[in-house]
Protein backbone atom coordinates (compact mmCIF):
# COMPACT_ATOMS: atom_id res chain seq x y z
CA UNK A 1 0.00 0.00 0.00
CA UNK A 2 1.34 3.43 -0.93
CA UNK A 3 1.95 6.14 1.70
CA UNK A 4 -0.84 8.35 0.28
CA UNK A 5 -3.32 5.47 0.54
CA UNK A 6 -2.25 4.85 4.14
CA UNK A 7 -2.60 8.57 4.89
CA UNK A 8 -6.13 8.55 3.43
CA UNK A 9 -7.11 5.48 5.48
CA UNK A 10 -5.66 6.94 8.67
CA UNK A 11 -7.48 10.24 8.09
CA UNK A 12 -10.74 8.37 7.47
CA UNK A 13 -10.12 6.31 10.62
CA UNK A 14 -9.51 9.46 12.70
CA UNK A 15 -12.66 11.16 11.38
CA UNK A 16 -14.77 8.06 11.98
CA UNK A 17 -13.31 7.56 15.45
CA UNK A 18 -13.89 11.19 16.43
CA UNK A 19 -17.50 11.00 15.25
CA UNK A 20 -18.02 7.77 17.22
CA UNK A 21 -16.49 9.25 20.37
CA UNK A 22 -18.85 12.22 20.17
CA UNK A 23 -21.82 9.87 19.79
CA UNK A 24 -20.54 7.68 22.64
CA UNK A 25 -20.37 10.71 24.92
CA UNK A 26 -23.89 11.78 23.98
CA UNK A 27 -25.13 8.21 24.47
CA UNK A 28 -23.58 8.08 27.96
CA UNK A 29 -25.39 11.30 28.90
CA UNK A 30 -28.69 9.91 27.64
CA UNK A 31 -28.14 6.65 29.57
CA UNK A 32 -27.53 8.62 32.78
CA UNK A 33 -30.76 10.53 32.14
CA UNK A 34 -32.66 7.26 31.48
CA UNK A 35 -31.30 5.65 34.63
CA UNK A 36 -32.22 8.72 36.66
CA UNK A 37 -35.81 8.55 35.44
CA UNK A 38 -36.02 4.84 36.26
CA UNK A 39 -34.60 5.57 39.72
CA UNK A 40 -37.39 8.12 40.25
CA UNK A 41 -40.01 5.51 39.29
CA UNK A 42 -38.42 3.00 41.69
CA UNK A 43 -38.18 5.55 44.53
CA UNK A 44 -41.86 6.43 44.02
CA UNK A 45 -42.82 2.75 44.24
CA UNK A 46 -44.60 2.81 40.88
CA UNK A 47 -46.51 -0.41 40.25
CA UNK A 48 -47.45 -2.16 37.04
CA UNK A 49 -50.35 -0.51 35.29
CA UNK A 50 -51.63 1.73 32.54
CA UNK A 51 -50.56 5.36 32.76
CA UNK A 52 -52.14 7.36 29.95
CA UNK A 53 -50.95 5.82 26.68
CA UNK A 54 -48.11 3.98 28.49
CA UNK A 55 -48.15 0.54 30.01
CA UNK A 56 -45.67 -0.06 32.81
CA UNK A 57 -44.77 -3.60 33.77
CA UNK A 58 -42.65 -3.95 36.88
CA UNK A 59 -40.56 -7.11 36.83
CA UNK A 60 -38.64 -8.10 39.93
CA UNK A 61 -36.13 -10.91 39.70
CA UNK A 62 -33.51 -12.11 42.15
CA UNK A 63 -29.90 -11.36 41.24
CA UNK A 64 -27.18 -13.39 42.99
CA UNK A 65 -24.44 -11.57 44.90
CA UNK A 66 -21.58 -13.16 46.82
CA UNK A 67 -21.00 -11.96 50.38
CA UNK A 68 -18.16 -14.37 51.28
CA UNK A 69 -15.83 -15.30 48.42
CA UNK A 70 -13.75 -17.68 50.53
CA UNK A 71 -16.82 -19.71 51.49
CA UNK A 72 -18.01 -19.70 47.88
CA UNK A 73 -14.59 -20.85 46.60
CA UNK A 74 -14.54 -23.64 49.20
CA UNK A 75 -17.99 -24.72 47.99
CA UNK A 76 -16.80 -24.75 44.36
CA UNK A 77 -13.71 -26.81 45.25
CA UNK A 78 -15.75 -29.33 47.22
CA UNK A 79 -18.58 -29.72 44.73
CA UNK A 80 -16.87 -29.02 41.40
CA UNK A 81 -19.86 -26.87 40.39
CA UNK A 82 -17.78 -24.62 38.17
CA UNK A 83 -20.78 -23.92 35.92
CA UNK A 84 -21.56 -21.06 38.31
CA UNK A 85 -18.57 -19.14 36.99
CA UNK A 86 -18.14 -17.42 33.67
CA UNK A 87 -15.28 -18.59 31.47
CA UNK A 88 -13.46 -15.31 31.31
CA UNK A 89 -9.74 -14.78 31.71
CA UNK A 90 -8.43 -11.73 33.49
CA UNK A 91 -5.72 -10.95 30.97
CA UNK A 92 -3.78 -8.49 33.13
CA UNK A 93 -3.49 -10.94 36.05
CA UNK A 94 -2.46 -13.83 33.81
CA UNK A 95 0.06 -11.73 31.87
CA UNK A 96 1.60 -10.45 35.12
CA UNK A 97 2.21 -14.03 36.22
CA UNK A 98 3.56 -15.11 32.84
CA UNK A 99 5.86 -12.08 32.67
CA UNK A 100 7.13 -12.94 36.15
CA UNK A 101 8.10 -16.38 34.80
CA UNK A 102 5.31 -18.33 36.51
CA UNK A 103 3.93 -21.38 34.71
CA UNK A 104 0.15 -21.21 34.37
CA UNK A 105 -1.24 -24.51 33.06
CA UNK A 106 -3.44 -24.58 29.95
CA UNK A 107 -2.70 -20.95 29.05
CA UNK A 108 -1.25 -19.90 25.72
CA UNK A 109 -0.93 -16.40 24.33
CA UNK A 110 -2.06 -15.20 20.94
CA UNK A 111 -0.78 -12.06 19.26
CA UNK A 112 -3.37 -9.34 18.82
CA UNK A 113 -2.51 -6.58 16.39
CA UNK A 114 -3.48 -3.06 17.44
CA UNK A 115 -2.71 0.28 15.87
CA UNK A 116 -1.96 3.41 17.84
CA UNK A 117 -2.81 6.35 15.62
CA UNK A 118 -2.28 9.94 16.67
């Protein structure tokens, strides 16, 4: 690829990225506003029902939260019920161990290409 073509692609990338960042910022503001309005409904104790042209359905579902990680880890070790965990690696913690020379079984690294454009 010729330098002028690269320059054109980089310029297009920068313009697209800047436009996305502006939209992201606006979207975050709108999400905060949405959440604030839902908080007001919750604080007011609004129940399911018809309010003018709007139908509100309040759905309450239990959401698990761990209060004692050591007890939970002991339970997992004893029962083997690992299906309660998500299969998600914490890359920074694993890479810190690998960079320190520690062997972590079943872990390999893949190269991910990123571009830093300024």
